[in-house]
Amino acid sequence: MSGESETDNLRWFTVRSLYLCDRKKADGMNIFEERIVAVKAADIDEAFEKGEEERALYAKDNNFTFHYDICAYSLPEFPDNLEDHEAALEVHSIMYQSHDDLDAFNRRQYVDVEHLPDP
């Protein structure tokens, strides 16, 4: 017996999903949620499976519709003492391409589409 449990071989992954909310704004605009969760899994395939299960449950609980596309990202091993870790720990990264400059891309990707509750 090796003394290792099944959970000793699990690693952290993030899984990103996109949802359509069940209501629209007063002006008719749809509301979307991009959500990233952390899951422990043995490999990337299991992370996708856990992410898909969590995505379906979250959508059902909130009466949302989820997009079929899902993205999983393997996290690096966390150091034993995060306070001693001088560099940032990347938890998710997506590369985009666009002819926009940085300000225009930020505005189109984030600012112009940010959900602000109706007054």
N, C-alpha and C. Protein backbone atom coordinates (compact mmCIF):
# COMPACT_ATOMS: atom_id res chain seq x y z
N MET A 1 0.84 -1.17 0.00
CA MET A 1 0.00 0.00 0.00
C MET A 1 0.89 1.24 0.00
N SER A 2 0.61 2.16 -0.90
CA SER A 2 1.48 3.31 -1.07
C SER A 2 1.21 4.41 -0.05
N GLY A 3 0.06 4.41 0.58
CA GLY A 3 -0.27 5.44 1.55
C GLY A 3 -0.87 6.68 0.92
N GLU A 4 -0.92 6.72 -0.42
CA GLU A 4 -1.52 7.87 -1.10
C GLU A 4 -3.00 7.63 -1.29
N SER A 5 -3.78 8.65 -1.05
CA SER A 5 -5.21 8.55 -1.32
C SER A 5 -5.48 9.02 -2.73
N GLU A 6 -6.67 8.76 -3.21
CA GLU A 6 -7.05 9.17 -4.56
C GLU A 6 -6.98 10.68 -4.72
N THR A 7 -7.27 11.42 -3.65
CA THR A 7 -7.24 12.88 -3.73
C THR A 7 -5.83 13.44 -3.76
N ASP A 8 -4.83 12.65 -3.40
CA ASP A 8 -3.44 13.13 -3.45
C ASP A 8 -2.99 13.42 -4.87
N ASN A 9 -3.62 12.76 -5.85
CA ASN A 9 -3.23 12.91 -7.25
C ASN A 9 -4.06 13.96 -7.99
N LEU A 10 -4.90 14.69 -7.28
CA LEU A 10 -5.73 15.69 -7.93
C LEU A 10 -4.98 17.01 -8.01
N ARG A 11 -5.26 17.75 -9.10
CA ARG A 11 -4.66 19.06 -9.30
C ARG A 11 -5.80 20.07 -9.47
N TRP A 12 -5.46 21.35 -9.35
CA TRP A 12 -6.44 22.41 -9.52
C TRP A 12 -6.50 22.85 -10.99
N PHE A 13 -7.72 23.08 -11.45
CA PHE A 13 -8.00 23.62 -12.78
C PHE A 13 -9.05 24.71 -12.62
N THR A 14 -9.05 25.66 -13.54
CA THR A 14 -10.18 26.57 -13.62
C THR A 14 -10.99 26.18 -14.85
N VAL A 15 -12.29 26.42 -14.75
CA VAL A 15 -13.19 26.11 -15.87
C VAL A 15 -14.07 27.34 -16.09
N ARG A 16 -14.08 27.80 -17.35
CA ARG A 16 -14.85 29.01 -17.71
C ARG A 16 -16.08 28.61 -18.52
N SER A 17 -17.20 29.19 -18.14
CA SER A 17 -18.46 28.97 -18.84
C SER A 17 -19.15 30.30 -19.09
N LEU A 18 -20.01 30.31 -20.09
CA LEU A 18 -20.76 31.51 -20.47
C LEU A 18 -22.25 31.20 -20.38
N TYR A 19 -22.99 32.14 -19.77
CA TYR A 19 -24.42 31.95 -19.53
C TYR A 19 -25.23 33.12 -20.08
N LEU A 20 -26.46 32.83 -20.48
CA LEU A 20 -27.45 33.84 -20.82
C LEU A 20 -28.44 33.87 -19.67
N CYS A 21 -28.59 35.05 -19.06
CA CYS A 21 -29.51 35.18 -17.93
C CYS A 21 -30.95 35.09 -18.42
N ASP A 22 -31.85 34.77 -17.51
CA ASP A 22 -33.24 34.54 -17.87
C ASP A 22 -34.05 35.81 -18.04
N ARG A 23 -33.44 36.96 -17.84
CA ARG A 23 -34.18 38.21 -17.98
C ARG A 23 -33.39 39.15 -18.86
N LYS A 24 -34.08 40.13 -19.40
CA LYS A 24 -33.45 41.16 -20.21
C LYS A 24 -33.51 42.48 -19.46
N LYS A 25 -32.65 43.38 -19.85
CA LYS A 25 -32.72 44.73 -19.30
C LYS A 25 -33.96 45.43 -19.85
N ALA A 26 -34.33 46.54 -19.24
CA ALA A 26 -35.52 47.29 -19.66
C ALA A 26 -35.43 47.70 -21.13
N ASP A 27 -34.21 47.92 -21.62
CA ASP A 27 -34.05 48.33 -23.02
C ASP A 27 -33.97 47.14 -23.98
N GLY A 28 -34.20 45.92 -23.46
CA GLY A 28 -34.21 44.73 -24.30
C GLY A 28 -32.87 44.03 -24.44
N MET A 29 -31.83 44.59 -23.85
CA MET A 29 -30.50 43.97 -23.95
C MET A 29 -30.46 42.67 -23.16
N ASN A 30 -29.79 41.66 -23.73
CA ASN A 30 -29.56 40.41 -23.01
C ASN A 30 -28.49 40.63 -21.95
N ILE A 31 -28.53 39.81 -20.91
CA ILE A 31 -27.53 39.83 -19.85
C ILE A 31 -26.80 38.49 -19.87
N PHE A 32 -25.48 38.55 -19.94
CA PHE A 32 -24.64 37.36 -19.98
C PHE A 32 -23.76 37.33 -18.74
N GLU A 33 -23.38 36.13 -18.34
CA GLU A 33 -22.42 35.98 -17.25
C GLU A 33 -21.31 35.07 -17.73
N GLU A 34 -20.07 35.54 -17.61
CA GLU A 34 -18.90 34.70 -17.81
C GLU A 34 -18.44 34.31 -16.42
N ARG A 35 -18.34 33.02 -16.17
CA ARG A 35 -18.06 32.53 -14.81
C ARG A 35 -16.89 31.58 -14.85
N ILE A 36 -15.95 31.77 -13.94
CA ILE A 36 -14.79 30.89 -13.83
C ILE A 36 -14.80 30.27 -12.45
N VAL A 37 -14.76 28.94 -12.41
CA VAL A 37 -14.73 28.22 -11.13
C VAL A 37 -13.46 27.37 -11.08
N ALA A 38 -13.04 27.04 -9.88
CA ALA A 38 -11.89 26.17 -9.68
C ALA A 38 -12.40 24.77 -9.31
N VAL A 39 -11.81 23.76 -9.93
CA VAL A 39 -12.17 22.37 -9.63
C VAL A 39 -10.89 21.56 -9.43
N LYS A 40 -10.98 20.53 -8.62
CA LYS A 40 -9.87 19.59 -8.45
C LYS A 40 -10.17 18.37 -9.31
N ALA A 41 -9.17 17.97 -10.10
CA ALA A 41 -9.37 16.83 -11.00
C ALA A 41 -8.03 16.14 -11.24
N ALA A 42 -8.12 14.91 -11.71
CA ALA A 42 -6.91 14.13 -11.99
C ALA A 42 -6.23 14.60 -13.27
N ASP A 43 -7.02 15.10 -14.24
CA ASP A 43 -6.46 15.56 -15.52
C ASP A 43 -7.44 16.53 -16.17
N ILE A 44 -7.05 17.05 -17.31
CA ILE A 44 -7.85 18.07 -17.98
C ILE A 44 -9.22 17.52 -18.41
N ASP A 45 -9.28 16.25 -18.82
CA ASP A 45 -10.55 15.66 -19.23
C ASP A 45 -11.55 15.62 -18.07
N GLU A 46 -11.05 15.22 -16.90
CA GLU A 46 -11.92 15.19 -15.72
C GLU A 46 -12.33 16.61 -15.32
N ALA A 47 -11.42 17.58 -15.50
CA ALA A 47 -11.76 18.97 -15.20
C ALA A 47 -12.91 19.44 -16.10
N PHE A 48 -12.85 19.09 -17.38
CA PHE A 48 -13.96 19.42 -18.29
C PHE A 48 -15.26 18.78 -17.82
N GLU A 49 -15.20 17.51 -17.46
CA GLU A 49 -16.40 16.81 -16.99
C GLU A 49 -16.98 17.48 -15.74
N LYS A 50 -16.13 17.78 -14.77
CA LYS A 50 -16.60 18.44 -13.55
C LYS A 50 -17.15 19.83 -13.87
N GLY A 51 -16.48 20.53 -14.77
CA GLY A 51 -16.95 21.84 -15.18
C GLY A 51 -18.30 21.79 -15.86
N GLU A 52 -18.50 20.79 -16.71
CA GLU A 52 -19.78 20.63 -17.38
C GLU A 52 -20.90 20.31 -16.39
N GLU A 53 -20.61 19.47 -15.41
CA GLU A 53 -21.60 19.15 -14.38
C GLU A 53 -21.95 20.39 -13.56
N GLU A 54 -20.92 21.14 -13.15
CA GLU A 54 -21.14 22.33 -12.35
C GLU A 54 -21.88 23.39 -13.15
N ARG A 55 -21.52 23.52 -14.43
CA ARG A 55 -22.17 24.49 -15.32
C ARG A 55 -23.67 24.19 -15.45
N ALA A 56 -24.02 22.93 -15.65
CA ALA A 56 -25.42 22.55 -15.79
C ALA A 56 -26.20 22.82 -14.51
N LEU A 57 -25.61 22.50 -13.37
CA LEU A 57 -26.28 22.73 -12.08
C LEU A 57 -26.46 24.23 -11.83
N TYR A 58 -25.43 25.03 -12.10
CA TYR A 58 -25.51 26.47 -11.89
C TYR A 58 -26.59 27.08 -12.80
N ALA A 59 -26.62 26.65 -14.05
CA ALA A 59 -27.63 27.15 -14.99
C ALA A 59 -29.04 26.78 -14.53
N LYS A 60 -29.21 25.55 -14.08
CA LYS A 60 -30.53 25.11 -13.60
C LYS A 60 -30.94 25.89 -12.36
N ASP A 61 -30.03 26.04 -11.40
CA ASP A 61 -30.34 26.75 -10.15
C ASP A 61 -30.70 28.21 -10.38
N ASN A 62 -30.17 28.81 -11.44
CA ASN A 62 -30.38 30.23 -11.69
C ASN A 62 -31.29 30.51 -12.88
N ASN A 63 -31.83 29.45 -13.48
CA ASN A 63 -32.69 29.57 -14.65
C ASN A 63 -31.97 30.29 -15.79
N PHE A 64 -30.68 29.94 -15.98
CA PHE A 64 -29.86 30.49 -17.05
C PHE A 64 -29.74 29.45 -18.17
N THR A 65 -29.34 29.90 -19.32
CA THR A 65 -28.99 29.02 -20.44
C THR A 65 -27.47 29.09 -20.58
N PHE A 66 -26.82 27.93 -20.71
CA PHE A 66 -25.37 27.97 -20.87
C PHE A 66 -24.99 27.71 -22.32
N HIS A 67 -23.87 28.29 -22.72
CA HIS A 67 -23.32 28.05 -24.04
C HIS A 67 -22.57 26.72 -23.99
N TYR A 68 -22.60 25.98 -25.10
CA TYR A 68 -21.96 24.66 -25.12
C TYR A 68 -20.44 24.73 -24.97
N ASP A 69 -19.83 25.85 -25.38
CA ASP A 69 -18.37 25.97 -25.31
C ASP A 69 -17.94 26.12 -23.86
N ILE A 70 -16.88 25.44 -23.50
CA ILE A 70 -16.35 25.50 -22.14
C ILE A 70 -14.82 25.48 -22.25
N CYS A 71 -14.16 26.15 -21.34
CA CYS A 71 -12.71 26.26 -21.39
C CYS A 71 -12.13 25.85 -20.04
N ALA A 72 -11.13 24.96 -20.05
CA ALA A 72 -10.47 24.56 -18.81
C ALA A 72 -9.00 24.94 -18.89
N TYR A 73 -8.45 25.28 -17.74
CA TYR A 73 -7.08 25.77 -17.66
C TYR A 73 -6.41 25.11 -16.45
N SER A 74 -5.26 24.50 -16.69
CA SER A 74 -4.52 23.84 -15.61
C SER A 74 -3.76 24.88 -14.80
N LEU A 75 -3.98 24.87 -13.50
CA LEU A 75 -3.29 25.81 -12.62
C LEU A 75 -1.92 25.24 -12.23
N PRO A 76 -0.96 26.14 -11.98
CA PRO A 76 0.33 25.65 -11.50
C PRO A 76 0.17 25.15 -10.06
N GLU A 77 1.15 24.40 -9.61
CA GLU A 77 1.11 23.98 -8.21
C GLU A 77 1.30 25.20 -7.33
N PHE A 78 0.47 25.29 -6.32
CA PHE A 78 0.58 26.41 -5.40
C PHE A 78 1.72 26.15 -4.42
N PRO A 79 2.49 27.17 -4.13
CA PRO A 79 3.56 26.98 -3.13
C PRO A 79 2.93 26.74 -1.76
N ASP A 80 3.69 26.10 -0.89
CA ASP A 80 3.18 25.80 0.44
C ASP A 80 2.79 27.06 1.21
N ASN A 81 3.55 28.11 1.05
CA ASN A 81 3.27 29.35 1.76
C ASN A 81 3.12 30.47 0.74
N LEU A 82 1.89 30.86 0.46
CA LEU A 82 1.63 31.88 -0.55
C LEU A 82 2.27 33.22 -0.18
N GLU A 83 2.42 33.50 1.09
CA GLU A 83 3.03 34.77 1.51
C GLU A 83 4.48 34.86 1.06
N ASP A 84 5.16 33.71 0.94
CA ASP A 84 6.54 33.70 0.51
C ASP A 84 6.68 33.74 -1.02
N HIS A 85 5.56 33.65 -1.71
CA HIS A 85 5.58 33.62 -3.16
C HIS A 85 5.54 35.05 -3.69
N GLU A 86 6.62 35.49 -4.31
CA GLU A 86 6.72 36.89 -4.73
C GLU A 86 6.00 37.17 -6.03
N ALA A 87 5.88 36.20 -6.90
CA ALA A 87 5.24 36.42 -8.19
C ALA A 87 3.74 36.16 -8.10
N ALA A 88 3.00 36.72 -9.01
CA ALA A 88 1.55 36.47 -9.08
C ALA A 88 1.32 35.04 -9.55
N LEU A 89 0.22 34.47 -9.11
CA LEU A 89 -0.18 33.13 -9.55
C LEU A 89 -1.27 33.28 -10.60
N GLU A 90 -0.96 32.90 -11.82
CA GLU A 90 -1.94 32.98 -12.90
C GLU A 90 -3.01 31.92 -12.70
N VAL A 91 -4.27 32.31 -12.74
CA VAL A 91 -5.36 31.35 -12.56
C VAL A 91 -6.18 31.13 -13.82
N HIS A 92 -6.07 32.03 -14.78
CA HIS A 92 -6.78 31.83 -16.05
C HIS A 92 -6.19 32.78 -17.07
N SER A 93 -6.07 32.33 -18.31
CA SER A 93 -5.53 33.16 -19.36
C SER A 93 -6.18 32.79 -20.67
N ILE A 94 -6.66 33.79 -21.40
CA ILE A 94 -7.24 33.58 -22.72
C ILE A 94 -6.60 34.60 -23.65
N MET A 95 -6.09 34.16 -24.77
CA MET A 95 -5.51 35.06 -25.76
C MET A 95 -6.59 35.40 -26.79
N TYR A 96 -6.70 36.68 -27.14
CA TYR A 96 -7.64 37.15 -28.14
C TYR A 96 -6.88 37.74 -29.31
N GLN A 97 -7.53 37.85 -30.45
CA GLN A 97 -6.94 38.58 -31.56
C GLN A 97 -7.93 39.60 -32.07
N SER A 98 -7.43 40.76 -32.50
CA SER A 98 -8.30 41.84 -32.94
C SER A 98 -7.46 42.88 -33.66
N HIS A 99 -8.07 43.62 -34.54
CA HIS A 99 -7.40 44.76 -35.17
C HIS A 99 -7.49 46.00 -34.27
N ASP A 100 -8.28 45.92 -33.20
CA ASP A 100 -8.43 47.05 -32.27
C ASP A 100 -7.11 47.35 -31.57
N ASP A 101 -6.91 48.62 -31.17
CA ASP A 101 -5.82 48.92 -30.27
C ASP A 101 -6.26 48.53 -28.87
N LEU A 102 -5.38 48.65 -27.89
CA LEU A 102 -5.67 48.17 -26.54
C LEU A 102 -6.90 48.83 -25.94
N ASP A 103 -7.01 50.16 -26.05
CA ASP A 103 -8.17 50.85 -25.48
C ASP A 103 -9.47 50.44 -26.16
N ALA A 104 -9.46 50.34 -27.49
CA ALA A 104 -10.67 49.96 -28.22
C ALA A 104 -11.08 48.53 -27.88
N PHE A 105 -10.09 47.63 -27.79
CA PHE A 105 -10.41 46.25 -27.45
C PHE A 105 -11.02 46.17 -26.05
N ASN A 106 -10.41 46.85 -25.09
CA ASN A 106 -10.94 46.85 -23.72
C ASN A 106 -12.37 47.37 -23.70
N ARG A 107 -12.62 48.45 -24.43
CA ARG A 107 -13.97 49.03 -24.46
C ARG A 107 -14.97 48.04 -25.07
N ARG A 108 -14.61 47.45 -26.22
CA ARG A 108 -15.52 46.53 -26.91
C ARG A 108 -15.73 45.24 -26.11
N GLN A 109 -14.67 44.73 -25.52
CA GLN A 109 -14.74 43.44 -24.82
C GLN A 109 -15.34 43.53 -23.43
N TYR A 110 -15.13 44.66 -22.75
CA TYR A 110 -15.53 44.75 -21.34
C TYR A 110 -16.45 45.94 -21.05
N VAL A 111 -16.02 47.13 -21.38
CA VAL A 111 -16.76 48.32 -20.97
C VAL A 111 -18.13 48.40 -21.65
N ASP A 112 -18.17 48.25 -22.97
CA ASP A 112 -19.43 48.41 -23.71
C ASP A 112 -20.46 47.34 -23.37
N VAL A 113 -20.00 46.20 -22.86
CA VAL A 113 -20.93 45.09 -22.61
C VAL A 113 -21.14 44.81 -21.12
N GLU A 114 -20.55 45.62 -20.23
CA GLU A 114 -20.71 45.41 -18.80
C GLU A 114 -22.18 45.57 -18.40
N HIS A 115 -22.68 44.67 -17.62
CA HIS A 115 -24.07 44.72 -17.16
C HIS A 115 -24.17 45.68 -15.98
N LEU A 116 -24.98 46.67 -16.15
CA LEU A 116 -25.30 47.58 -15.06
C LEU A 116 -26.79 47.44 -14.77
N PRO A 117 -27.17 47.14 -13.54
CA PRO A 117 -28.59 46.93 -13.23
C PRO A 117 -29.42 48.15 -13.61
N ASP A 118 -30.65 47.89 -14.04
CA ASP A 118 -31.58 48.98 -14.32
C ASP A 118 -31.83 49.76 -13.03
N PRO A 119 -31.99 51.09 -13.16
CA PRO A 119 -32.23 51.91 -11.96
C PRO A 119 -33.58 51.61 -11.32
